[in-house]
Protein backbone atom coordinates (compact mmCIF):
# COMPACT_ATOMS: atom_id res chain seq x y z
CA MET A 1 0.00 0.00 0.00
CA THR A 2 1.41 3.38 -0.88
CA TYR A 3 1.38 6.40 1.33
CA GLY A 4 -1.33 8.90 0.64
CA GLY A 5 -4.63 7.09 0.97
CA GLU A 6 -7.41 9.62 0.67
CA PHE A 7 -4.82 12.38 0.09
CA GLN A 8 -3.38 10.60 -2.96
CA LYS A 9 -5.08 12.92 -5.49
CA GLU A 10 -3.60 16.00 -3.83
CA LEU A 11 -0.12 14.47 -3.68
CA ILE A 12 -0.28 13.58 -7.38
CA ALA A 13 -1.39 17.12 -8.25
CA ILE A 14 1.47 18.63 -6.22
CA ALA A 15 4.03 16.35 -7.90
CA LYS A 16 2.64 17.30 -11.34
CA MET A 17 2.88 21.03 -10.55
CA ALA A 18 6.48 20.60 -9.40
CA ARG A 19 7.39 18.77 -12.64
CA GLU A 20 5.70 21.46 -14.74
CA ARG A 21 7.67 24.18 -12.94
CA GLY A 22 10.93 22.24 -13.18
CA VAL A 23 11.43 22.03 -9.42
CA PRO A 24 11.86 18.93 -7.27
CA PRO A 25 8.73 17.70 -5.50
CA PRO A 26 8.41 18.35 -1.76
CA LYS A 27 10.07 15.78 0.50
CA ILE A 28 6.64 14.55 1.64
CA ILE A 29 6.31 13.18 -1.90
CA SER A 30 9.89 12.29 -2.83
CA ASP A 31 10.60 10.59 0.53
CA LYS A 32 7.19 9.01 0.98
CA PRO A 33 7.11 5.74 2.93
CA THR A 34 5.55 2.52 1.71
CA LEU A 35 2.95 1.26 4.16
CA HIS A 36 2.10 -2.39 4.70
CA ASN A 37 -1.40 -3.43 3.67
CA GLY A 38 -4.00 -2.19 6.13
CA LEU A 39 -1.82 0.44 7.81
CA ASP A 40 -2.97 3.27 5.54
CA HIS A 41 -6.22 3.33 7.54
CA TYR A 42 -4.31 4.25 10.70
CA PHE A 43 -2.22 6.87 8.94
CA ASN A 44 -5.30 8.47 7.39
CA THR A 45 -7.03 8.44 10.81
CA TRP A 46 -3.96 10.07 12.37
CA MET A 47 -4.08 12.77 9.69
CA LYS A 48 -7.77 13.39 10.39
CA LEU A 49 -6.99 13.72 14.10
CA GLU A 50 -4.35 16.36 13.33
CA ARG A 51 -6.94 19.06 13.99
CA GLY A 52 -7.07 18.07 17.67
CA ARG A 53 -3.31 18.20 18.17
CA GLU A 54 -1.05 21.14 18.89
CA PRO A 55 2.05 21.27 16.63
CA GLY A 56 4.79 19.01 17.95
CA THR A 57 2.55 17.25 20.48
CA ALA A 58 0.74 13.92 20.75
CA THR A 59 -2.88 13.40 19.76
CA PRO A 60 -5.07 13.93 22.84
CA TRP A 61 -6.66 10.72 24.13
CA GLY A 62 -10.04 12.45 24.06
CA ALA A 63 -9.72 13.05 20.31
CA ILE A 64 -8.95 9.36 19.71
CA ASN A 65 -11.83 8.34 21.96
CA GLU A 66 -14.31 10.66 20.21
CA PHE A 67 -13.21 9.37 16.81
CA ALA A 68 -13.65 5.79 18.03
CA LYS A 69 -17.12 6.56 19.42
CA ARG A 70 -18.19 8.18 16.17
CA TYR A 71 -17.12 5.18 14.11
CA ASP A 72 -18.11 2.54 16.70
CA ILE A 73 -14.55 1.30 17.26
CA LEU A 74 -14.54 -0.78 20.44
CA GLY A 75 -12.46 -3.25 22.46
CA GLU A 76 -9.37 -4.63 20.76
CA ASP A 77 -10.03 -2.50 17.69
CA PHE A 78 -9.85 0.63 19.87
CA GLU A 79 -6.64 -0.61 21.53
CA ARG A 80 -5.10 -1.25 18.11
CA LEU A 81 -6.18 2.20 16.87
CA GLU A 82 -4.66 3.89 19.91
CA PHE A 83 -1.44 1.87 19.54
CA PHE A 84 -0.90 2.99 15.94
CA ILE A 85 -1.90 6.59 16.65
CA ARG A 86 0.64 6.69 19.51
CA ALA A 87 3.33 5.17 17.26
CA LEU A 88 2.68 7.88 14.66
CA ASP A 89 2.66 10.54 17.39
CA THR A 90 6.05 9.32 18.61
CA ALA A 91 7.56 9.43 15.12
CA TYR A 92 6.02 12.87 14.53
CA MET A 93 7.35 14.30 17.79
CA ARG A 94 10.84 12.91 17.09
CA TYR A 95 10.69 14.48 13.65
CA MET A 96 9.61 17.84 15.10
CA LYS A 97 12.36 17.66 17.72
CA GLY A 98 14.86 16.97 14.93
CA GLN A 99 13.55 20.01 13.05
CA ALA A 100 13.97 22.16 16.15
CA ASP A 101 17.48 20.77 16.69
CA GLY A 102 18.37 21.48 13.06
CA GLU A 103 18.58 17.82 12.05
CA GLY A 104 15.74 17.92 9.53
CA ARG A 105 14.49 14.48 8.50
CA LYS A 106 17.19 12.71 10.53
CA GLY A 107 14.97 13.16 13.58
CA ALA A 108 12.28 10.89 12.08
CA LYS A 109 14.28 8.14 10.38
CA ASN A 110 13.74 4.60 11.61
CA HIS A 111 11.13 5.56 14.18
CA VAL A 112 7.92 4.29 12.56
């Protein structure tokens, strides 16, 4: 499964604009990860939950819980959702710390 999920159309459009202008595509496109089958759901959920998160911080538990209630995600499915959201939060916060420390993408490598 390739990175992008429901944002795939936008990523393709951005890459096309970059090619047309003769500039390299943004790193979010050129350095995109390849996700194992089924994990794109968790990434897309994490992106949706971005609105409830302050920059550089973890997703609030309440935001995860409200999302799970809305979509009737219970029991082990909720635990799995929270696990993957927390893993993405950890990678994101390491990346942001690397940005603040001037390391750029080095702060995120090998953390997902």
